[in-house]
Amino acid sequence: MTTDERQRRFLDLYREHLPTVLGYCRRRSSTTSSADDLAADVFAVAWRRLDDIPAGFELAWLLRTAHFTLLSERRTDRRRDALVDRCGRLLPAELPREPDETVVIRDTVARAMSQLGSTDREAIILTAWDGLSQRDAAAVLGVSENALALRLSRARRQLRRILTSPEPEWHVPGDPLTVPERSLP
């Protein structure tokens, strides 16, 4: 298939099936923007795998791709929420857990994660958020399983220390709210 034929086939597919795919995504997503992103992801996959889409079954293929993409997004969300919850349990017990405080907890965890080295942070993200096994995460990072286990142990220990310290001493460059008191004039 020539480039022009490929573009023409994709544009025909897009024009014909966008409304249905978008409707499918909107009925299953919590926000319009996440539905739009999901539909865009579906058509990005369709472009990459255009030759794999069976003639006569284009809509079914697109909706199945949307289904799998949505499932993957939900798994990622659950993993991220589970990590935030696990990290939140490391916070001092007196920290309120009202709905408005969820933002505080997420911000605290994000700031604590920012204090980790990039390799330690990536090890935590791959295993806790992305749900990779230690073996798979080690392969992604190009290290041995033992090296990854050491990184994870170190990263968890650092997170625990940061999150349980009475006065966190982190500083996010450019954020005046995180400047340690001793550095103020």
N, C-alpha and C. Protein backbone atom coordinates (compact mmCIF):
# COMPACT_ATOMS: atom_id res chain seq x y z
N MET A 1 0.85 -1.17 0.00
CA MET A 1 0.00 0.00 0.00
C MET A 1 0.90 1.24 0.00
N THR A 2 0.64 2.16 -0.92
CA THR A 2 1.45 3.37 -1.02
C THR A 2 1.08 4.32 0.13
N THR A 3 1.90 5.32 0.32
CA THR A 3 1.65 6.30 1.38
C THR A 3 0.32 7.01 1.15
N ASP A 4 0.04 7.37 -0.10
CA ASP A 4 -1.23 8.05 -0.40
C ASP A 4 -2.42 7.14 -0.12
N GLU A 5 -2.31 5.88 -0.50
CA GLU A 5 -3.40 4.93 -0.24
C GLU A 5 -3.60 4.74 1.27
N ARG A 6 -2.51 4.70 1.97
CA ARG A 6 -2.57 4.54 3.43
C ARG A 6 -3.25 5.74 4.08
N GLN A 7 -2.85 6.93 3.66
CA GLN A 7 -3.47 8.14 4.21
C GLN A 7 -4.95 8.19 3.86
N ARG A 8 -5.29 7.85 2.64
CA ARG A 8 -6.68 7.87 2.20
C ARG A 8 -7.51 6.87 3.02
N ARG A 9 -6.97 5.66 3.20
CA ARG A 9 -7.70 4.65 3.98
C ARG A 9 -7.91 5.13 5.41
N PHE A 10 -6.86 5.69 6.00
CA PHE A 10 -6.99 6.17 7.38
C PHE A 10 -8.02 7.30 7.47
N LEU A 11 -7.94 8.27 6.57
CA LEU A 11 -8.89 9.38 6.62
C LEU A 11 -10.33 8.90 6.43
N ASP A 12 -10.55 7.94 5.54
CA ASP A 12 -11.89 7.37 5.36
C ASP A 12 -12.35 6.69 6.65
N LEU A 13 -11.46 5.93 7.25
CA LEU A 13 -11.75 5.24 8.50
C LEU A 13 -12.09 6.25 9.60
N TYR A 14 -11.28 7.28 9.69
CA TYR A 14 -11.46 8.32 10.70
C TYR A 14 -12.80 9.04 10.51
N ARG A 15 -13.06 9.50 9.31
CA ARG A 15 -14.30 10.25 9.04
C ARG A 15 -15.53 9.40 9.29
N GLU A 16 -15.48 8.14 8.89
CA GLU A 16 -16.65 7.27 9.02
C GLU A 16 -16.91 6.85 10.46
N HIS A 17 -15.87 6.59 11.23
CA HIS A 17 -16.06 5.96 12.53
C HIS A 17 -15.78 6.86 13.73
N LEU A 18 -15.27 8.07 13.53
CA LEU A 18 -14.99 8.94 14.67
C LEU A 18 -16.22 9.17 15.55
N PRO A 19 -17.38 9.51 15.00
CA PRO A 19 -18.53 9.75 15.88
C PRO A 19 -18.88 8.55 16.76
N THR A 20 -18.82 7.37 16.20
CA THR A 20 -19.16 6.17 16.97
C THR A 20 -18.11 5.88 18.03
N VAL A 21 -16.84 5.98 17.65
CA VAL A 21 -15.75 5.73 18.59
C VAL A 21 -15.79 6.76 19.71
N LEU A 22 -15.99 8.01 19.37
CA LEU A 22 -16.07 9.08 20.36
C LEU A 22 -17.24 8.85 21.31
N GLY A 23 -18.39 8.47 20.78
CA GLY A 23 -19.55 8.17 21.62
C GLY A 23 -19.27 7.02 22.58
N TYR A 24 -18.63 5.98 22.06
CA TYR A 24 -18.26 4.83 22.89
C TYR A 24 -17.36 5.29 24.04
N CYS A 25 -16.37 6.10 23.71
CA CYS A 25 -15.42 6.58 24.72
C CYS A 25 -16.10 7.50 25.74
N ARG A 26 -16.97 8.36 25.28
CA ARG A 26 -17.64 9.30 26.19
C ARG A 26 -18.58 8.59 27.15
N ARG A 27 -19.21 7.51 26.71
CA ARG A 27 -20.10 6.77 27.60
C ARG A 27 -19.33 6.01 28.67
N ARG A 28 -18.05 5.82 28.47
CA ARG A 28 -17.26 5.02 29.39
C ARG A 28 -16.20 5.82 30.15
N SER A 29 -16.07 7.09 29.86
CA SER A 29 -15.05 7.92 30.51
C SER A 29 -15.71 8.88 31.50
N SER A 30 -14.93 9.28 32.48
CA SER A 30 -15.46 10.17 33.51
C SER A 30 -15.55 11.63 33.05
N THR A 31 -14.71 12.02 32.10
CA THR A 31 -14.75 13.40 31.61
C THR A 31 -14.69 13.41 30.09
N THR A 32 -15.15 14.51 29.53
CA THR A 32 -15.11 14.65 28.07
C THR A 32 -13.68 14.68 27.57
N SER A 33 -12.80 15.35 28.31
CA SER A 33 -11.42 15.43 27.85
C SER A 33 -10.74 14.06 27.88
N SER A 34 -11.03 13.25 28.90
CA SER A 34 -10.42 11.91 28.92
C SER A 34 -11.00 11.05 27.80
N ALA A 35 -12.27 11.25 27.46
CA ALA A 35 -12.87 10.52 26.33
C ALA A 35 -12.22 10.94 25.02
N ASP A 36 -11.99 12.23 24.86
CA ASP A 36 -11.33 12.72 23.65
C ASP A 36 -9.92 12.16 23.54
N ASP A 37 -9.20 12.12 24.67
CA ASP A 37 -7.85 11.56 24.69
C ASP A 37 -7.88 10.08 24.33
N LEU A 38 -8.85 9.37 24.88
CA LEU A 38 -8.99 7.94 24.59
C LEU A 38 -9.24 7.71 23.10
N ALA A 39 -10.16 8.49 22.52
CA ALA A 39 -10.45 8.36 21.09
C ALA A 39 -9.21 8.68 20.25
N ALA A 40 -8.46 9.68 20.66
CA ALA A 40 -7.22 10.02 19.94
C ALA A 40 -6.22 8.87 20.02
N ASP A 41 -6.12 8.24 21.19
CA ASP A 41 -5.24 7.09 21.34
C ASP A 41 -5.66 5.94 20.43
N VAL A 42 -6.98 5.72 20.33
CA VAL A 42 -7.49 4.64 19.47
C VAL A 42 -7.09 4.88 18.03
N PHE A 43 -7.26 6.10 17.55
CA PHE A 43 -6.91 6.38 16.16
C PHE A 43 -5.40 6.43 15.94
N ALA A 44 -4.64 6.73 16.98
CA ALA A 44 -3.18 6.65 16.85
C ALA A 44 -2.76 5.19 16.67
N VAL A 45 -3.39 4.30 17.43
CA VAL A 45 -3.11 2.87 17.26
C VAL A 45 -3.56 2.42 15.87
N ALA A 46 -4.72 2.90 15.44
CA ALA A 46 -5.23 2.53 14.11
C ALA A 46 -4.25 2.96 13.02
N TRP A 47 -3.67 4.13 13.15
CA TRP A 47 -2.70 4.59 12.16
C TRP A 47 -1.47 3.68 12.14
N ARG A 48 -0.97 3.35 13.32
CA ARG A 48 0.22 2.49 13.40
C ARG A 48 -0.06 1.08 12.89
N ARG A 49 -1.27 0.60 13.10
CA ARG A 49 -1.59 -0.79 12.76
C ARG A 49 -2.60 -0.88 11.62
N LEU A 50 -2.62 0.10 10.77
CA LEU A 50 -3.60 0.19 9.69
C LEU A 50 -3.67 -1.09 8.85
N ASP A 51 -2.53 -1.68 8.60
CA ASP A 51 -2.50 -2.89 7.78
C ASP A 51 -3.11 -4.10 8.50
N ASP A 52 -3.23 -4.02 9.83
CA ASP A 52 -3.78 -5.14 10.62
C ASP A 52 -5.30 -5.07 10.76
N ILE A 53 -5.90 -3.96 10.35
CA ILE A 53 -7.35 -3.79 10.52
C ILE A 53 -8.05 -4.55 9.39
N PRO A 54 -8.85 -5.56 9.74
CA PRO A 54 -9.51 -6.36 8.70
C PRO A 54 -10.60 -5.57 7.97
N ALA A 55 -10.60 -5.65 6.67
CA ALA A 55 -11.62 -4.98 5.85
C ALA A 55 -13.00 -5.51 6.23
N GLY A 56 -13.94 -4.60 6.38
CA GLY A 56 -15.30 -4.99 6.74
C GLY A 56 -15.53 -5.06 8.24
N PHE A 57 -14.45 -5.03 9.03
CA PHE A 57 -14.57 -5.12 10.48
C PHE A 57 -13.88 -3.93 11.17
N GLU A 58 -13.79 -2.84 10.46
CA GLU A 58 -13.06 -1.68 10.96
C GLU A 58 -13.64 -1.17 12.28
N LEU A 59 -14.96 -0.99 12.31
CA LEU A 59 -15.58 -0.44 13.52
C LEU A 59 -15.38 -1.39 14.70
N ALA A 60 -15.57 -2.66 14.49
CA ALA A 60 -15.37 -3.63 15.58
C ALA A 60 -13.92 -3.57 16.08
N TRP A 61 -12.97 -3.47 15.17
CA TRP A 61 -11.57 -3.39 15.55
C TRP A 61 -11.31 -2.12 16.36
N LEU A 62 -11.86 -1.00 15.91
CA LEU A 62 -11.66 0.27 16.62
C LEU A 62 -12.28 0.22 18.02
N LEU A 63 -13.48 -0.34 18.13
CA LEU A 63 -14.13 -0.39 19.45
C LEU A 63 -13.42 -1.36 20.38
N ARG A 64 -12.90 -2.42 19.85
CA ARG A 64 -12.12 -3.35 20.68
C ARG A 64 -10.83 -2.68 21.15
N THR A 65 -10.22 -1.92 20.27
CA THR A 65 -9.02 -1.17 20.65
C THR A 65 -9.36 -0.15 21.73
N ALA A 66 -10.49 0.53 21.58
CA ALA A 66 -10.93 1.49 22.61
C ALA A 66 -11.15 0.77 23.94
N HIS A 67 -11.76 -0.40 23.89
CA HIS A 67 -12.01 -1.18 25.10
C HIS A 67 -10.70 -1.51 25.82
N PHE A 68 -9.72 -2.02 25.06
CA PHE A 68 -8.44 -2.38 25.67
C PHE A 68 -7.69 -1.14 26.17
N THR A 69 -7.77 -0.05 25.44
CA THR A 69 -7.10 1.18 25.85
C THR A 69 -7.71 1.70 27.14
N LEU A 70 -9.04 1.66 27.24
CA LEU A 70 -9.74 2.10 28.45
C LEU A 70 -9.36 1.21 29.64
N LEU A 71 -9.32 -0.10 29.43
CA LEU A 71 -8.92 -1.00 30.51
C LEU A 71 -7.51 -0.69 30.99
N SER A 72 -6.62 -0.44 30.07
CA SER A 72 -5.24 -0.11 30.43
C SER A 72 -5.19 1.19 31.23
N GLU A 73 -5.96 2.18 30.80
CA GLU A 73 -6.01 3.46 31.52
C GLU A 73 -6.53 3.26 32.94
N ARG A 74 -7.57 2.45 33.08
CA ARG A 74 -8.13 2.20 34.41
C ARG A 74 -7.16 1.46 35.30
N ARG A 75 -6.41 0.50 34.74
CA ARG A 75 -5.40 -0.21 35.54
C ARG A 75 -4.33 0.77 36.02
N THR A 76 -3.91 1.65 35.15
CA THR A 76 -2.91 2.65 35.52
C THR A 76 -3.44 3.54 36.63
N ASP A 77 -4.70 3.98 36.51
CA ASP A 77 -5.30 4.82 37.55
C ASP A 77 -5.37 4.09 38.89
N ARG A 78 -5.77 2.81 38.85
CA ARG A 78 -5.86 2.03 40.10
C ARG A 78 -4.48 1.88 40.73
N ARG A 79 -3.47 1.62 39.92
CA ARG A 79 -2.11 1.47 40.46
C ARG A 79 -1.63 2.77 41.08
N ARG A 80 -1.88 3.87 40.40
CA ARG A 80 -1.45 5.17 40.92
C ARG A 80 -2.17 5.48 42.23
N ASP A 81 -3.49 5.24 42.27
CA ASP A 81 -4.25 5.48 43.49
C ASP A 81 -3.78 4.58 44.63
N ALA A 82 -3.47 3.32 44.30
CA ALA A 82 -2.99 2.39 45.33
C ALA A 82 -1.65 2.86 45.88
N LEU A 83 -0.78 3.37 45.03
CA LEU A 83 0.51 3.87 45.49
C LEU A 83 0.32 5.08 46.39
N VAL A 84 -0.56 5.99 45.99
CA VAL A 84 -0.83 7.17 46.82
C VAL A 84 -1.39 6.74 48.17
N ASP A 85 -2.30 5.75 48.16
CA ASP A 85 -2.85 5.26 49.43
C ASP A 85 -1.76 4.64 50.30
N ARG A 86 -0.89 3.83 49.68
CA ARG A 86 0.18 3.20 50.45
C ARG A 86 1.12 4.27 51.02
N CYS A 87 1.43 5.25 50.22
CA CYS A 87 2.30 6.33 50.71
C CYS A 87 1.58 7.16 51.77
N GLY A 88 0.28 7.34 51.59
CA GLY A 88 -0.51 8.09 52.56
C GLY A 88 -0.53 7.44 53.92
N ARG A 89 -0.45 6.11 53.95
CA ARG A 89 -0.42 5.40 55.24
C ARG A 89 0.88 5.65 55.98
N LEU A 90 1.90 6.11 55.27
CA LEU A 90 3.17 6.41 55.92
C LEU A 90 3.16 7.79 56.58
N LEU A 91 2.17 8.59 56.24
CA LEU A 91 2.08 9.93 56.82
C LEU A 91 1.69 9.83 58.29
N PRO A 92 2.01 10.85 59.07
CA PRO A 92 1.63 10.83 60.48
C PRO A 92 0.12 10.63 60.65
N ALA A 93 -0.25 9.90 61.69
CA ALA A 93 -1.65 9.53 61.92
C ALA A 93 -2.55 10.74 62.14
N GLU A 94 -2.01 11.82 62.68
CA GLU A 94 -2.86 12.98 62.97
C GLU A 94 -3.24 13.78 61.72
N LEU A 95 -2.68 13.44 60.57
CA LEU A 95 -3.04 14.14 59.33
C LEU A 95 -4.49 13.82 58.97
N PRO A 96 -5.34 14.84 58.81
CA PRO A 96 -6.75 14.57 58.50
C PRO A 96 -6.89 13.90 57.14
N ARG A 97 -7.93 13.07 57.00
CA ARG A 97 -8.16 12.34 55.77
C ARG A 97 -9.50 12.71 55.14
N GLU A 98 -9.89 13.97 55.23
CA GLU A 98 -11.12 14.43 54.61
C GLU A 98 -10.90 14.51 53.10
N PRO A 99 -12.01 14.54 52.33
CA PRO A 99 -11.84 14.58 50.87
C PRO A 99 -10.93 15.70 50.39
N ASP A 100 -11.01 16.87 51.00
CA ASP A 100 -10.15 17.97 50.59
C ASP A 100 -8.68 17.68 50.87
N GLU A 101 -8.44 16.82 51.85
CA GLU A 101 -7.06 16.51 52.21
C GLU A 101 -6.40 15.55 51.22
N THR A 102 -7.20 14.93 50.35
CA THR A 102 -6.62 14.05 49.33
C THR A 102 -5.62 14.82 48.49
N VAL A 103 -5.94 16.06 48.20
CA VAL A 103 -5.02 16.90 47.42
C VAL A 103 -3.73 17.10 48.19
N VAL A 104 -3.83 17.33 49.48
CA VAL A 104 -2.64 17.52 50.31
C VAL A 104 -1.80 16.25 50.32
N ILE A 105 -2.46 15.10 50.46
CA ILE A 105 -1.73 13.83 50.49
C ILE A 105 -1.03 13.60 49.16
N ARG A 106 -1.75 13.80 48.05
CA ARG A 106 -1.14 13.59 46.73
C ARG A 106 0.04 14.53 46.52
N ASP A 107 -0.13 15.79 46.96
CA ASP A 107 0.95 16.76 46.82
C ASP A 107 2.15 16.36 47.68
N THR A 108 1.87 15.90 48.89
CA THR A 108 2.95 15.47 49.79
C THR A 108 3.71 14.30 49.19
N VAL A 109 2.98 13.33 48.65
CA VAL A 109 3.62 12.16 48.04
C VAL A 109 4.43 12.59 46.82
N ALA A 110 3.85 13.47 46.00
CA ALA A 110 4.56 13.94 44.81
C ALA A 110 5.86 14.66 45.20
N ARG A 111 5.78 15.48 46.22
CA ARG A 111 6.99 16.20 46.67
C ARG A 111 8.01 15.23 47.24
N ALA A 112 7.54 14.24 47.99
CA ALA A 112 8.46 13.24 48.54
C ALA A 112 9.11 12.46 47.40
N MET A 113 8.32 12.08 46.41
CA MET A 113 8.88 11.35 45.26
C MET A 113 9.92 12.20 44.54
N SER A 114 9.70 13.52 44.50
CA SER A 114 10.64 14.39 43.81
C SER A 114 12.00 14.44 44.51
N GLN A 115 12.04 14.02 45.77
CA GLN A 115 13.29 14.03 46.52
C GLN A 115 14.14 12.78 46.25
N LEU A 116 13.54 11.78 45.63
CA LEU A 116 14.29 10.57 45.30
C LEU A 116 15.16 10.83 44.08
N GLY A 117 16.21 10.08 43.98
CA GLY A 117 17.04 10.13 42.77
C GLY A 117 16.22 9.61 41.60
N SER A 118 16.58 9.99 40.40
CA SER A 118 15.77 9.61 39.23
C SER A 118 15.70 8.09 39.05
N THR A 119 16.78 7.38 39.34
CA THR A 119 16.74 5.92 39.16
C THR A 119 15.87 5.26 40.24
N ASP A 120 15.94 5.76 41.47
CA ASP A 120 15.09 5.22 42.54
C ASP A 120 13.62 5.54 42.26
N ARG A 121 13.37 6.76 41.83
CA ARG A 121 11.99 7.17 41.53
C ARG A 121 11.43 6.31 40.39
N GLU A 122 12.22 6.07 39.36
CA GLU A 122 11.76 5.27 38.23
C GLU A 122 11.49 3.83 38.67
N ALA A 123 12.30 3.29 39.55
CA ALA A 123 12.07 1.93 40.06
C ALA A 123 10.73 1.84 40.78
N ILE A 124 10.43 2.84 41.61
CA ILE A 124 9.14 2.86 42.34
C ILE A 124 7.99 3.00 41.35
N ILE A 125 8.12 3.88 40.40
CA ILE A 125 7.04 4.12 39.44
C ILE A 125 6.77 2.87 38.61
N LEU A 126 7.82 2.23 38.13
CA LEU A 126 7.63 1.04 37.29
C LEU A 126 6.96 -0.09 38.05
N THR A 127 7.33 -0.28 39.31
CA THR A 127 6.76 -1.41 40.05
C THR A 127 5.44 -1.06 40.71
N ALA A 128 5.31 0.11 41.28
CA ALA A 128 4.09 0.45 42.02
C ALA A 128 3.01 1.03 41.12
N TRP A 129 3.36 1.96 40.26
CA TRP A 129 2.34 2.59 39.42
C TRP A 129 2.05 1.78 38.16
N ASP A 130 3.12 1.35 37.50
CA ASP A 130 2.93 0.63 36.24
C ASP A 130 2.68 -0.86 36.45
N GLY A 131 2.89 -1.35 37.68
CA GLY A 131 2.57 -2.73 38.01
C GLY A 131 3.52 -3.76 37.43
N LEU A 132 4.72 -3.37 37.04
CA LEU A 132 5.68 -4.33 36.50
C LEU A 132 6.26 -5.17 37.63
N SER A 133 6.58 -6.40 37.30
CA SER A 133 7.29 -7.25 38.26
C SER A 133 8.71 -6.70 38.39
N GLN A 134 9.40 -7.12 39.44
CA GLN A 134 10.78 -6.66 39.60
C GLN A 134 11.62 -7.12 38.42
N ARG A 135 11.34 -8.30 37.92
CA ARG A 135 12.09 -8.82 36.78
C ARG A 135 11.89 -7.94 35.55
N ASP A 136 10.62 -7.57 35.26
CA ASP A 136 10.33 -6.74 34.10
C ASP A 136 10.87 -5.33 34.27
N ALA A 137 10.72 -4.78 35.48
CA ALA A 137 11.24 -3.43 35.73
C ALA A 137 12.76 -3.40 35.57
N ALA A 138 13.42 -4.46 36.04
CA ALA A 138 14.88 -4.53 35.88
C ALA A 138 15.25 -4.54 34.40
N ALA A 139 14.47 -5.26 33.61
CA ALA A 139 14.74 -5.30 32.16
C ALA A 139 14.55 -3.93 31.53
N VAL A 140 13.50 -3.23 31.93
CA VAL A 140 13.25 -1.88 31.38
C VAL A 140 14.41 -0.95 31.72
N LEU A 141 14.90 -1.05 32.94
CA LEU A 141 15.98 -0.16 33.38
C LEU A 141 17.37 -0.64 32.96
N GLY A 142 17.43 -1.87 32.45
CA GLY A 142 18.72 -2.40 32.01
C GLY A 142 19.65 -2.74 33.15
N VAL A 143 19.07 -3.21 34.27
CA VAL A 143 19.88 -3.60 35.43
C VAL A 143 19.48 -5.01 35.84
N SER A 144 20.26 -5.60 36.73
CA SER A 144 19.93 -6.93 37.23
C SER A 144 18.77 -6.83 38.22
N GLU A 145 18.12 -7.97 38.48
CA GLU A 145 17.04 -7.98 39.47
C GLU A 145 17.56 -7.59 40.84
N ASN A 146 18.77 -8.02 41.17
CA ASN A 146 19.36 -7.65 42.47
C ASN A 146 19.56 -6.15 42.58
N ALA A 147 20.06 -5.55 41.51
CA ALA A 147 20.26 -4.09 41.52
C ALA A 147 18.93 -3.37 41.69
N LEU A 148 17.90 -3.86 41.01
CA LEU A 148 16.58 -3.24 41.15
C LEU A 148 16.06 -3.41 42.57
N ALA A 149 16.23 -4.60 43.15
CA ALA A 149 15.77 -4.84 44.52
C ALA A 149 16.45 -3.87 45.48
N LEU A 150 17.74 -3.62 45.28
CA LEU A 150 18.45 -2.66 46.13
C LEU A 150 17.90 -1.24 45.94
N ARG A 151 17.65 -0.87 44.69
CA ARG A 151 17.08 0.46 44.42
C ARG A 151 15.72 0.62 45.10
N LEU A 152 14.88 -0.40 44.97
CA LEU A 152 13.55 -0.34 45.58
C LEU A 152 13.64 -0.24 47.09
N SER A 153 14.53 -1.03 47.68
CA SER A 153 14.70 -0.98 49.14
C SER A 153 15.15 0.41 49.58
N ARG A 154 16.13 0.95 48.88
CA ARG A 154 16.63 2.29 49.20
C ARG A 154 15.54 3.34 49.01
N ALA A 155 14.80 3.25 47.91
CA ALA A 155 13.76 4.23 47.61
C ALA A 155 12.64 4.17 48.65
N ARG A 156 12.23 2.98 49.03
CA ARG A 156 11.17 2.84 50.04
C ARG A 156 11.63 3.39 51.38
N ARG A 157 12.87 3.10 51.74
CA ARG A 157 13.42 3.60 53.00
C ARG A 157 13.46 5.13 52.99
N GLN A 158 13.89 5.73 51.86
CA GLN A 158 13.94 7.19 51.75
C GLN A 158 12.53 7.79 51.82
N LEU A 159 11.59 7.18 51.10
CA LEU A 159 10.21 7.68 51.15
C LEU A 159 9.66 7.63 52.57
N ARG A 160 9.89 6.52 53.24
CA ARG A 160 9.41 6.37 54.62
C ARG A 160 10.01 7.46 55.51
N ARG A 161 11.31 7.70 55.35
CA ARG A 161 11.99 8.73 56.16
C ARG A 161 11.41 10.11 55.85
N ILE A 162 11.23 10.41 54.57
CA ILE A 162 10.72 11.73 54.17
C ILE A 162 9.30 11.92 54.67
N LEU A 163 8.46 10.91 54.48
CA LEU A 163 7.04 11.05 54.81
C LEU A 163 6.77 11.01 56.31
N THR A 164 7.65 10.42 57.08
CA THR A 164 7.41 10.33 58.52
C THR A 164 8.17 11.37 59.32
N SER A 165 9.02 12.15 58.67
CA SER A 165 9.76 13.18 59.41
C SER A 165 8.77 14.25 59.86
N PRO A 166 8.97 14.78 61.09
CA PRO A 166 8.01 15.76 61.62
C PRO A 166 7.93 17.03 60.77
N GLU A 167 9.05 17.47 60.24
CA GLU A 167 9.07 18.65 59.39
C GLU A 167 9.84 18.31 58.12
N PRO A 168 9.11 17.96 57.06
CA PRO A 168 9.82 17.63 55.82
C PRO A 168 10.73 18.77 55.39
N GLU A 169 11.91 18.41 54.92
CA GLU A 169 12.89 19.42 54.53
C GLU A 169 13.10 19.45 53.04
N TRP A 170 12.06 19.23 52.29
CA TRP A 170 12.26 19.26 50.85
C TRP A 170 12.07 20.66 50.31
N HIS A 171 12.65 20.87 49.19
CA HIS A 171 12.54 22.15 48.52
C HIS A 171 12.37 21.90 47.04
N VAL A 172 11.30 22.43 46.49
CA VAL A 172 11.07 22.34 45.06
C VAL A 172 11.55 23.65 44.46
N PRO A 173 12.56 23.62 43.60
CA PRO A 173 13.08 24.87 43.04
C PRO A 173 11.97 25.69 42.39
N GLY A 174 11.96 26.97 42.71
CA GLY A 174 10.96 27.87 42.14
C GLY A 174 9.65 27.91 42.91
N ASP A 175 9.50 27.10 43.95
CA ASP A 175 8.27 27.07 44.74
C ASP A 175 8.56 27.71 46.09
N PRO A 176 8.12 28.96 46.29
CA PRO A 176 8.44 29.66 47.54
C PRO A 176 7.83 28.99 48.76
N LEU A 177 6.80 28.16 48.56
CA LEU A 177 6.17 27.50 49.71
C LEU A 177 7.02 26.36 50.27
N THR A 178 8.02 25.94 49.53
CA THR A 178 8.84 24.82 50.00
C THR A 178 10.24 25.24 50.43
N VAL A 179 10.49 26.52 50.52
CA VAL A 179 11.80 26.98 50.97
C VAL A 179 11.92 26.68 52.46
N PRO A 180 12.93 25.93 52.87
CA PRO A 180 13.10 25.63 54.30
C PRO A 180 13.23 26.91 55.10
N GLU A 181 12.65 26.91 56.32
CA GLU A 181 12.64 28.11 57.15
C GLU A 181 14.02 28.67 57.41
N ARG A 182 15.00 27.80 57.62
CA ARG A 182 16.34 28.29 57.94
C ARG A 182 16.97 29.08 56.79
N SER A 183 16.42 28.96 55.57
CA SER A 183 16.99 29.71 54.46
C SER A 183 16.28 31.04 54.22
N LEU A 184 15.22 31.30 55.00
CA LEU A 184 14.53 32.57 54.86
C LEU A 184 15.28 33.66 55.59
N PRO A 185 15.22 34.92 55.12
CA PRO A 185 15.97 36.00 55.79
C PRO A 185 15.40 36.34 57.15
